[in-house]
Amino acid sequence: MPVIPIIMPQLGESIAEAAIVSFLVKPGESVEADQDIIEVETNKATLNLAAPCPGKIDKFVAKLTESYPVGSILGYREASAENAAKHGLDVSAPDSDGKENEKSAPTERAEGNGEGKRVQ
């Protein structure tokens, strides 16, 4: 199963980073599409990041209370090749170290900003 990075999304036009408030699931847990997985806080609001597709949380590399800039990898999740492809990942061929080829980052969804827009 491909391992997909969990990326800190652009949460607003003027927001460059956010702090991790809590992890809403544990590594090894299965998640559904649109299930909240991480709670983050900006200087303007507290928001939840949701999984864009079903899968299983592999691990979190981010630390509680630490701030991370937009685009940072917060952790990894496993998803089927079909779901990974739907979210912009080319998983057709493994790369040189035997892991699945990840050509682009998936889209994460920011909850709670009142807009419900997809962000990367």
Protein backbone atom coordinates (compact mmCIF):
# COMPACT_ATOMS: atom_id res chain seq x y z
CA MET A 1 0.00 0.00 0.00
CA PRO A 2 1.42 3.46 -0.86
CA VAL A 3 2.51 5.70 2.00
CA ILE A 4 1.24 9.25 1.49
CA PRO A 5 2.60 12.29 3.35
CA ILE A 6 0.30 14.36 5.53
CA ILE A 7 1.13 17.94 4.55
CA MET A 8 0.52 21.18 6.47
CA PRO A 9 -1.95 22.91 4.14
CA GLN A 10 -2.29 26.59 3.31
CA LEU A 11 -4.92 27.50 5.89
CA GLY A 12 -5.51 31.06 4.76
CA GLU A 13 -4.08 33.68 2.49
CA SER A 14 -1.89 35.33 5.14
CA ILE A 15 -1.15 32.24 7.27
CA ALA A 16 2.39 30.89 6.89
CA GLU A 17 2.43 28.34 9.74
CA ALA A 18 0.37 26.57 12.37
CA ALA A 19 1.08 24.80 15.65
CA ILE A 20 0.03 21.22 16.39
CA VAL A 21 -2.60 21.23 19.16
CA SER A 22 -3.48 17.52 19.17
CA PHE A 23 -3.48 14.33 17.16
CA LEU A 24 -7.05 13.12 16.89
CA VAL A 25 -6.09 9.57 15.85
CA LYS A 26 -3.19 7.27 16.75
CA PRO A 27 -0.68 5.59 14.44
CA GLY A 28 -2.09 2.29 13.27
CA GLU A 29 -5.70 3.50 13.34
CA SER A 30 -7.83 3.36 10.21
CA VAL A 31 -9.45 6.60 9.08
CA GLU A 32 -12.34 7.39 6.78
CA ALA A 33 -12.46 10.10 4.14
CA ASP A 34 -13.07 13.52 5.72
CA GLN A 35 -12.28 12.25 9.23
CA ASP A 36 -10.42 14.81 11.34
CA ILE A 37 -6.88 13.63 12.09
CA ILE A 38 -4.92 16.66 13.42
CA GLU A 39 -5.96 19.80 15.26
CA VAL A 40 -3.82 22.87 14.49
CA GLU A 41 -3.82 26.46 15.70
CA THR A 42 -2.91 29.59 13.80
CA ASN A 43 -2.75 33.14 15.12
CA LYS A 44 -6.38 33.47 13.97
CA ALA A 45 -8.17 30.17 14.65
CA THR A 46 -8.04 26.52 15.65
CA LEU A 47 -8.73 24.19 12.73
CA ASN A 48 -8.90 20.46 12.06
CA LEU A 49 -7.09 18.77 9.20
CA ALA A 50 -9.03 15.89 7.67
CA ALA A 51 -7.98 12.82 5.71
CA PRO A 52 -8.97 13.21 2.05
CA CYS A 53 -9.44 9.45 1.57
CA PRO A 54 -9.77 6.27 3.62
CA GLY A 55 -6.57 4.65 4.86
CA LYS A 56 -4.49 3.97 7.94
CA ILE A 57 -2.26 6.37 9.87
CA ASP A 58 1.34 5.18 9.54
CA LYS A 59 3.10 7.70 11.81
CA PHE A 60 3.27 11.33 12.84
CA VAL A 61 6.61 13.13 12.61
CA ALA A 62 5.32 16.48 13.89
CA LYS A 63 5.48 17.23 17.61
CA LEU A 64 2.76 18.68 19.83
CA THR A 65 2.95 22.46 20.42
CA GLU A 66 5.56 22.90 17.66
CA SER A 67 4.80 25.24 14.75
CA TYR A 68 5.23 24.05 11.16
CA PRO A 69 5.26 26.11 7.97
CA VAL A 70 2.86 25.44 5.12
CA GLY A 71 4.09 22.48 3.07
CA SER A 72 5.78 20.68 6.00
CA ILE A 73 5.28 16.94 6.34
CA LEU A 74 3.38 16.24 9.55
CA GLY A 75 3.20 12.48 9.19
CA TYR A 76 2.36 9.65 6.83
CA ARG A 77 -0.68 7.53 6.09
CA GLU A 78 -1.28 4.44 4.04
CA ALA A 79 -3.92 4.40 1.32
CA SER A 80 -4.85 2.12 -1.54
CA ALA A 81 -3.12 2.74 -4.87
CA GLU A 82 -6.51 3.78 -6.28
CA ASN A 83 -7.10 6.42 -3.58
CA ALA A 84 -3.50 7.65 -3.82
CA ALA A 85 -3.89 8.10 -7.59
CA LYS A 86 -7.15 10.04 -7.07
CA HIS A 87 -5.16 12.50 -4.94
CA GLY A 88 -2.40 13.14 -7.45
CA LEU A 89 0.19 10.51 -6.56
CA ASP A 90 1.83 8.40 -9.25
CA VAL A 91 2.21 5.00 -7.62
CA SER A 92 2.73 3.01 -10.80
CA ALA A 93 6.42 2.22 -10.24
CA PRO A 94 8.59 1.94 -7.14
CA ASP A 95 11.55 4.30 -6.91
CA SER A 96 15.16 3.22 -6.43
CA ASP A 97 14.85 2.44 -2.70
CA GLY A 98 11.81 0.21 -3.29
CA LYS A 99 9.23 2.63 -1.92
CA GLU A 100 6.29 3.78 -3.95
CA ASN A 101 6.92 6.74 -6.22
CA GLU A 102 5.41 9.94 -4.79
CA LYS A 103 5.58 12.60 -7.50
CA SER A 104 3.32 15.14 -5.86
CA ALA A 105 1.80 15.82 -2.49
CA PRO A 106 -1.81 14.88 -1.80
CA THR A 107 -4.49 17.39 -1.00
CA GLU A 108 -5.48 17.83 2.62
CA ARG A 109 -8.73 19.47 3.64
CA ALA A 110 -8.90 22.16 6.28
CA GLU A 111 -12.00 21.97 8.43
CA GLY A 112 -13.44 24.69 10.54
CA ASN A 113 -12.40 27.69 8.49
CA GLY A 114 -15.97 28.24 7.35
CA GLU A 115 -14.97 27.88 3.73
CA GLY A 116 -14.55 24.10 3.39
CA LYS A 117 -12.04 24.65 0.62
CA ARG A 118 -9.44 22.14 -0.43
CA VAL A 119 -5.91 23.23 0.32
CA GLN A 120 -2.51 21.69 -0.23
